Amino acid sequence: KALKNSRHFLAPHKIDETAKLASRHVSLGNMAGEGWFLTGEMVKLIDEGVPNVICLQPFGCLPNHITGKGVMHELRESYTGANLTAIDCDAGSSEVNQLNRIKLMLAVAKKRGPKQEKDEEKSSEGMRG
């Protein structure tokens, strides 16, 4: 309730709203790992204007790995400008590798920048008018 009145934060979606977003891309019968929920959360962020999403996942969680990474190609094709990356978190994995992946993702975000978003909005408005 507090977030609904906030000027700085968005309130979380209800679970059925997240499910509806996910159902555009995966079956709601997908119960492996995060199942459809991870997909719904990524779609929610993109729909809210957050095209840059890092999906942190525990290394060795095969269902989460498949669900998270498996849907990213579909989301990139469905949402122009979606900049998604998956990063495996494991005590044994190299911090440098994780940081480099984040830096690469941020470099793409910076290259696209707000100018691309404005150009895409203008393009969308032109198609409506």
N, C-alpha and C. Protein backbone atom coordinates (compact mmCIF):
# COMPACT_ATOMS: atom_id res chain seq x y z
N LYS A 1 0.83 -1.19 0.00
CA LYS A 1 0.00 0.00 0.00
C LYS A 1 0.87 1.25 0.00
N ALA A 2 1.96 1.22 0.76
CA ALA A 2 2.84 2.38 0.84
C ALA A 2 3.47 2.68 -0.51
N LEU A 3 3.84 1.65 -1.26
CA LEU A 3 4.46 1.88 -2.57
C LEU A 3 3.48 2.45 -3.58
N LYS A 4 2.21 2.14 -3.46
CA LYS A 4 1.21 2.68 -4.39
C LYS A 4 1.13 4.19 -4.29
N ASN A 5 1.44 4.74 -3.11
CA ASN A 5 1.40 6.18 -2.91
C ASN A 5 2.75 6.85 -3.11
N SER A 6 3.76 6.09 -3.46
CA SER A 6 5.10 6.62 -3.62
C SER A 6 5.26 7.36 -4.94
N ARG A 7 6.06 8.42 -4.91
CA ARG A 7 6.38 9.13 -6.15
C ARG A 7 7.67 8.59 -6.76
N HIS A 8 8.39 7.74 -6.01
CA HIS A 8 9.70 7.28 -6.46
C HIS A 8 9.76 5.80 -6.81
N PHE A 9 8.82 5.02 -6.31
CA PHE A 9 8.87 3.58 -6.52
C PHE A 9 7.55 3.07 -7.06
N LEU A 10 7.61 1.98 -7.80
CA LEU A 10 6.40 1.34 -8.31
C LEU A 10 6.01 0.19 -7.39
N ALA A 11 4.74 0.05 -7.17
CA ALA A 11 4.25 -1.07 -6.36
C ALA A 11 4.40 -2.36 -7.16
N PRO A 12 4.69 -3.46 -6.49
CA PRO A 12 4.80 -4.73 -7.21
C PRO A 12 3.45 -5.15 -7.78
N HIS A 13 3.51 -5.89 -8.88
CA HIS A 13 2.28 -6.42 -9.47
C HIS A 13 1.74 -7.54 -8.58
N LYS A 14 0.45 -7.76 -8.70
CA LYS A 14 -0.13 -8.94 -8.07
C LYS A 14 0.33 -10.15 -8.87
N ILE A 15 0.36 -11.29 -8.23
CA ILE A 15 0.89 -12.50 -8.87
C ILE A 15 0.14 -12.85 -10.15
N ASP A 16 -1.18 -12.64 -10.19
CA ASP A 16 -1.93 -12.98 -11.40
C ASP A 16 -1.59 -12.02 -12.54
N GLU A 17 -1.22 -10.78 -12.23
CA GLU A 17 -0.80 -9.83 -13.27
C GLU A 17 0.56 -10.24 -13.83
N THR A 18 1.45 -10.69 -12.95
CA THR A 18 2.76 -11.18 -13.40
C THR A 18 2.59 -12.42 -14.26
N ALA A 19 1.69 -13.29 -13.88
CA ALA A 19 1.41 -14.49 -14.67
C ALA A 19 0.90 -14.13 -16.06
N LYS A 20 0.03 -13.13 -16.15
CA LYS A 20 -0.50 -12.72 -17.44
C LYS A 20 0.63 -12.20 -18.35
N LEU A 21 1.56 -11.44 -17.79
CA LEU A 21 2.70 -10.94 -18.56
C LEU A 21 3.56 -12.10 -19.06
N ALA A 22 3.81 -13.07 -18.19
CA ALA A 22 4.64 -14.22 -18.55
C ALA A 22 3.98 -15.07 -19.62
N SER A 23 2.65 -15.16 -19.59
CA SER A 23 1.94 -16.05 -20.51
C SER A 23 2.09 -15.61 -21.97
N ARG A 24 2.55 -14.40 -22.21
CA ARG A 24 2.84 -13.96 -23.58
C ARG A 24 4.01 -14.75 -24.18
N HIS A 25 4.85 -15.32 -23.31
CA HIS A 25 6.11 -15.91 -23.78
C HIS A 25 6.34 -17.36 -23.36
N VAL A 26 5.78 -17.77 -22.23
CA VAL A 26 5.98 -19.14 -21.75
C VAL A 26 4.67 -19.69 -21.23
N SER A 27 4.59 -20.99 -21.16
CA SER A 27 3.41 -21.65 -20.59
C SER A 27 3.40 -21.46 -19.08
N LEU A 28 2.23 -21.18 -18.53
CA LEU A 28 2.12 -21.07 -17.07
C LEU A 28 2.24 -22.44 -16.40
N GLY A 29 2.26 -23.48 -17.20
CA GLY A 29 2.50 -24.83 -16.68
C GLY A 29 3.98 -25.08 -16.40
N ASN A 30 4.83 -24.16 -16.79
CA ASN A 30 6.27 -24.27 -16.56
C ASN A 30 6.54 -24.08 -15.07
N MET A 31 6.85 -25.15 -14.39
CA MET A 31 7.06 -25.07 -12.95
C MET A 31 8.50 -25.33 -12.54
N ALA A 32 9.42 -25.37 -13.49
CA ALA A 32 10.83 -25.62 -13.17
C ALA A 32 11.49 -24.36 -12.63
N GLY A 33 12.22 -24.48 -11.56
CA GLY A 33 12.93 -23.33 -11.00
C GLY A 33 11.97 -22.21 -10.71
N GLU A 34 12.24 -21.06 -11.25
CA GLU A 34 11.35 -19.91 -11.10
C GLU A 34 10.14 -20.04 -12.02
N GLY A 35 10.17 -21.04 -12.90
CA GLY A 35 9.05 -21.26 -13.80
C GLY A 35 8.74 -20.02 -14.62
N TRP A 36 7.50 -19.67 -14.69
CA TRP A 36 7.08 -18.52 -15.47
C TRP A 36 7.31 -17.21 -14.72
N PHE A 37 7.53 -17.27 -13.40
CA PHE A 37 7.64 -16.05 -12.59
C PHE A 37 8.82 -15.18 -13.02
N LEU A 38 9.96 -15.79 -13.29
CA LEU A 38 11.15 -15.05 -13.72
C LEU A 38 10.87 -14.31 -15.02
N THR A 39 10.23 -14.98 -15.95
CA THR A 39 9.86 -14.35 -17.22
C THR A 39 8.91 -13.19 -16.98
N GLY A 40 7.91 -13.39 -16.15
CA GLY A 40 6.95 -12.33 -15.83
C GLY A 40 7.60 -11.12 -15.21
N GLU A 41 8.57 -11.34 -14.35
CA GLU A 41 9.28 -10.23 -13.71
C GLU A 41 10.11 -9.45 -14.73
N MET A 42 10.76 -10.15 -15.66
CA MET A 42 11.53 -9.44 -16.69
C MET A 42 10.61 -8.63 -17.59
N VAL A 43 9.49 -9.21 -18.01
CA VAL A 43 8.53 -8.51 -18.86
C VAL A 43 7.97 -7.29 -18.13
N LYS A 44 7.68 -7.45 -16.85
CA LYS A 44 7.16 -6.33 -16.05
C LYS A 44 8.15 -5.18 -16.06
N LEU A 45 9.42 -5.46 -15.84
CA LEU A 45 10.43 -4.41 -15.84
C LEU A 45 10.51 -3.72 -17.20
N ILE A 46 10.52 -4.50 -18.27
CA ILE A 46 10.60 -3.93 -19.61
C ILE A 46 9.38 -3.06 -19.88
N ASP A 47 8.19 -3.56 -19.54
CA ASP A 47 6.95 -2.80 -19.74
C ASP A 47 6.94 -1.50 -18.94
N GLU A 48 7.62 -1.48 -17.79
CA GLU A 48 7.67 -0.29 -16.94
C GLU A 48 8.76 0.68 -17.38
N GLY A 49 9.44 0.37 -18.48
CA GLY A 49 10.46 1.28 -18.99
C GLY A 49 11.86 0.99 -18.49
N VAL A 50 12.10 -0.22 -18.01
CA VAL A 50 13.43 -0.62 -17.55
C VAL A 50 13.94 -1.67 -18.54
N PRO A 51 14.59 -1.23 -19.63
CA PRO A 51 15.01 -2.20 -20.64
C PRO A 51 16.30 -2.94 -20.29
N ASN A 52 17.03 -2.47 -19.29
CA ASN A 52 18.31 -3.08 -18.90
C ASN A 52 18.10 -3.95 -17.67
N VAL A 53 18.17 -5.27 -17.87
CA VAL A 53 17.86 -6.21 -16.80
C VAL A 53 18.99 -7.22 -16.65
N ILE A 54 19.47 -7.36 -15.43
CA ILE A 54 20.45 -8.39 -15.10
C ILE A 54 19.71 -9.48 -14.35
N CYS A 55 19.81 -10.69 -14.84
CA CYS A 55 19.18 -11.84 -14.21
C CYS A 55 20.26 -12.61 -13.46
N LEU A 56 20.31 -12.41 -12.14
CA LEU A 56 21.27 -13.12 -11.30
C LEU A 56 20.69 -14.47 -10.94
N GLN A 57 21.48 -15.50 -11.13
CA GLN A 57 20.96 -16.84 -10.85
C GLN A 57 22.04 -17.68 -10.19
N PRO A 58 21.64 -18.53 -9.27
CA PRO A 58 22.63 -19.38 -8.61
C PRO A 58 23.20 -20.38 -9.61
N PHE A 59 24.52 -20.50 -9.61
CA PHE A 59 25.16 -21.46 -10.50
C PHE A 59 24.75 -22.86 -10.09
N GLY A 60 24.43 -23.67 -11.05
CA GLY A 60 24.04 -25.04 -10.77
C GLY A 60 22.56 -25.25 -10.64
N CYS A 61 21.78 -24.16 -10.68
CA CYS A 61 20.32 -24.31 -10.65
C CYS A 61 19.86 -24.46 -12.09
N LEU A 62 19.87 -25.69 -12.58
CA LEU A 62 19.58 -25.95 -13.98
C LEU A 62 18.22 -25.43 -14.42
N PRO A 63 17.14 -25.65 -13.67
CA PRO A 63 15.85 -25.12 -14.12
C PRO A 63 15.85 -23.59 -14.25
N ASN A 64 16.45 -22.90 -13.29
CA ASN A 64 16.50 -21.45 -13.34
C ASN A 64 17.38 -21.00 -14.51
N HIS A 65 18.46 -21.72 -14.72
CA HIS A 65 19.38 -21.42 -15.82
C HIS A 65 18.64 -21.53 -17.16
N ILE A 66 17.88 -22.59 -17.32
CA ILE A 66 17.16 -22.81 -18.58
C ILE A 66 16.05 -21.79 -18.74
N THR A 67 15.29 -21.55 -17.67
CA THR A 67 14.17 -20.61 -17.75
C THR A 67 14.67 -19.19 -17.98
N GLY A 68 15.66 -18.76 -17.21
CA GLY A 68 16.17 -17.40 -17.34
C GLY A 68 16.82 -17.14 -18.68
N LYS A 69 17.83 -17.94 -19.00
CA LYS A 69 18.55 -17.75 -20.26
C LYS A 69 17.70 -18.15 -21.46
N GLY A 70 16.89 -19.18 -21.27
CA GLY A 70 16.10 -19.70 -22.38
C GLY A 70 15.09 -18.72 -22.94
N VAL A 71 14.60 -17.81 -22.13
CA VAL A 71 13.58 -16.88 -22.58
C VAL A 71 14.17 -15.55 -23.07
N MET A 72 15.44 -15.31 -22.80
CA MET A 72 16.02 -14.01 -23.13
C MET A 72 16.01 -13.70 -24.63
N HIS A 73 16.27 -14.68 -25.45
CA HIS A 73 16.25 -14.46 -26.90
C HIS A 73 14.86 -14.02 -27.34
N GLU A 74 13.85 -14.72 -26.84
CA GLU A 74 12.46 -14.38 -27.15
C GLU A 74 12.13 -12.95 -26.70
N LEU A 75 12.56 -12.58 -25.51
CA LEU A 75 12.27 -11.24 -25.00
C LEU A 75 12.98 -10.16 -25.81
N ARG A 76 14.23 -10.43 -26.21
CA ARG A 76 14.95 -9.46 -27.05
C ARG A 76 14.26 -9.26 -28.39
N GLU A 77 13.70 -10.32 -28.95
CA GLU A 77 12.99 -10.21 -30.22
C GLU A 77 11.65 -9.51 -30.05
N SER A 78 11.01 -9.72 -28.91
CA SER A 78 9.68 -9.15 -28.68
C SER A 78 9.71 -7.70 -28.23
N TYR A 79 10.80 -7.30 -27.59
CA TYR A 79 10.88 -5.94 -27.03
C TYR A 79 12.12 -5.24 -27.56
N THR A 80 11.90 -4.34 -28.50
CA THR A 80 13.01 -3.59 -29.07
C THR A 80 13.73 -2.83 -27.96
N GLY A 81 15.02 -2.94 -27.94
CA GLY A 81 15.82 -2.23 -26.96
C GLY A 81 16.03 -2.98 -25.66
N ALA A 82 15.45 -4.18 -25.53
CA ALA A 82 15.67 -4.95 -24.29
C ALA A 82 17.14 -5.37 -24.23
N ASN A 83 17.79 -5.02 -23.14
CA ASN A 83 19.20 -5.32 -22.92
C ASN A 83 19.26 -6.24 -21.70
N LEU A 84 19.33 -7.53 -21.96
CA LEU A 84 19.23 -8.54 -20.91
C LEU A 84 20.51 -9.35 -20.81
N THR A 85 20.91 -9.65 -19.60
CA THR A 85 22.06 -10.53 -19.43
C THR A 85 21.84 -11.40 -18.20
N ALA A 86 22.34 -12.62 -18.28
CA ALA A 86 22.25 -13.56 -17.16
C ALA A 86 23.64 -13.70 -16.55
N ILE A 87 23.69 -13.65 -15.25
CA ILE A 87 24.97 -13.80 -14.55
C ILE A 87 24.81 -14.89 -13.50
N ASP A 88 25.68 -15.89 -13.60
CA ASP A 88 25.68 -16.97 -12.62
C ASP A 88 26.44 -16.53 -11.38
N CYS A 89 25.81 -16.71 -10.23
CA CYS A 89 26.44 -16.36 -8.96
C CYS A 89 26.86 -17.64 -8.26
N ASP A 90 28.13 -17.74 -8.00
CA ASP A 90 28.67 -18.92 -7.34
C ASP A 90 29.91 -18.49 -6.59
N ALA A 91 30.08 -19.04 -5.40
CA ALA A 91 31.24 -18.68 -4.59
C ALA A 91 32.54 -18.99 -5.33
N GLY A 92 32.53 -19.98 -6.19
CA GLY A 92 33.74 -20.37 -6.91
C GLY A 92 33.94 -19.66 -8.23
N SER A 93 32.96 -18.86 -8.68
CA SER A 93 33.11 -18.20 -9.98
C SER A 93 33.92 -16.91 -9.82
N SER A 94 34.53 -16.54 -10.90
CA SER A 94 35.41 -15.38 -10.91
C SER A 94 34.62 -14.08 -10.79
N GLU A 95 34.98 -13.27 -9.80
CA GLU A 95 34.34 -11.97 -9.63
C GLU A 95 34.63 -11.09 -10.85
N VAL A 96 35.82 -11.23 -11.40
CA VAL A 96 36.21 -10.44 -12.57
C VAL A 96 35.29 -10.76 -13.75
N ASN A 97 35.00 -12.04 -13.95
CA ASN A 97 34.11 -12.44 -15.04
C ASN A 97 32.72 -11.84 -14.85
N GLN A 98 32.20 -11.89 -13.63
CA GLN A 98 30.88 -11.32 -13.34
C GLN A 98 30.88 -9.82 -13.59
N LEU A 99 31.90 -9.12 -13.10
CA LEU A 99 32.00 -7.68 -13.29
C LEU A 99 32.14 -7.31 -14.77
N ASN A 100 32.91 -8.09 -15.51
CA ASN A 100 33.06 -7.82 -16.94
C ASN A 100 31.74 -7.97 -17.69
N ARG A 101 30.95 -8.96 -17.32
CA ARG A 101 29.64 -9.15 -17.96
C ARG A 101 28.72 -7.98 -17.64
N ILE A 102 28.76 -7.51 -16.40
CA ILE A 102 27.95 -6.35 -16.02
C ILE A 102 28.42 -5.11 -16.76
N LYS A 103 29.74 -4.91 -16.86
CA LYS A 103 30.29 -3.75 -17.57
C LYS A 103 29.91 -3.78 -19.05
N LEU A 104 29.93 -4.96 -19.65
CA LEU A 104 29.54 -5.10 -21.05
C LEU A 104 28.07 -4.73 -21.23
N MET A 105 27.23 -5.20 -20.32
CA MET A 105 25.81 -4.89 -20.38
C MET A 105 25.59 -3.39 -20.22
N LEU A 106 26.32 -2.76 -19.30
CA LEU A 106 26.19 -1.32 -19.08
C LEU A 106 26.71 -0.52 -20.27
N ALA A 107 27.76 -1.03 -20.93
CA ALA A 107 28.28 -0.35 -22.12
C ALA A 107 27.23 -0.34 -23.23
N VAL A 108 26.51 -1.44 -23.39
CA VAL A 108 25.43 -1.49 -24.38
C VAL A 108 24.34 -0.50 -24.00
N ALA A 109 23.99 -0.45 -22.71
CA ALA A 109 22.96 0.48 -22.24
C ALA A 109 23.39 1.92 -22.49
N LYS A 110 24.65 2.22 -22.21
CA LYS A 110 25.15 3.58 -22.40
C LYS A 110 25.18 3.95 -23.88
N LYS A 111 25.58 2.99 -24.72
CA LYS A 111 25.63 3.23 -26.16
C LYS A 111 24.24 3.52 -26.71
N ARG A 112 23.26 2.77 -26.25
CA ARG A 112 21.88 2.98 -26.69
C ARG A 112 21.33 4.27 -26.10
N GLY A 113 21.58 4.45 -24.81
CA GLY A 113 21.24 5.67 -24.10
C GLY A 113 19.81 6.16 -24.27
N PRO A 114 19.52 7.30 -23.66
CA PRO A 114 18.18 7.86 -23.73
C PRO A 114 17.80 8.32 -25.13
N LYS A 115 18.80 8.65 -25.97
CA LYS A 115 18.52 9.10 -27.33
C LYS A 115 17.78 8.02 -28.11
N GLN A 116 18.23 6.76 -28.00
CA GLN A 116 17.57 5.66 -28.71
C GLN A 116 16.14 5.50 -28.22
N GLU A 117 15.95 5.60 -26.90
CA GLU A 117 14.60 5.44 -26.35
C GLU A 117 13.68 6.52 -26.90
N LYS A 118 14.18 7.77 -26.99
CA LYS A 118 13.36 8.86 -27.52
C LYS A 118 13.06 8.63 -28.99
N ASP A 119 14.06 8.15 -29.76
CA ASP A 119 13.84 7.86 -31.18
C ASP A 119 12.78 6.78 -31.36
N GLU A 120 12.82 5.74 -30.48
CA GLU A 120 11.84 4.67 -30.56
C GLU A 120 10.45 5.18 -30.22
N GLU A 121 10.35 6.09 -29.23
CA GLU A 121 9.05 6.67 -28.87
C GLU A 121 8.49 7.47 -30.04
N LYS A 122 9.35 8.28 -30.71
CA LYS A 122 8.91 9.07 -31.85
C LYS A 122 8.44 8.15 -32.96
N SER A 123 9.17 7.06 -33.17
CA SER A 123 8.80 6.11 -34.22
C SER A 123 7.43 5.49 -33.91
N SER A 124 7.21 5.14 -32.65
CA SER A 124 5.93 4.56 -32.24
C SER A 124 4.79 5.57 -32.41
N GLU A 125 5.05 6.84 -32.04
CA GLU A 125 4.04 7.87 -32.16
C GLU A 125 3.70 8.10 -33.62
N GLY A 126 4.68 8.07 -34.50
CA GLY A 126 4.45 8.25 -35.93
C GLY A 126 3.58 7.15 -36.49
N MET A 127 3.74 5.93 -35.97
CA MET A 127 2.94 4.81 -36.45
C MET A 127 1.49 4.94 -35.97
N ARG A 128 1.29 5.55 -34.79
CA ARG A 128 -0.06 5.72 -34.27
C ARG A 128 -0.81 6.81 -35.02
N GLY A 129 -0.06 7.89 -35.38
CA GLY A 129 -0.70 9.05 -35.98
C GLY A 129 -0.95 8.87 -37.41
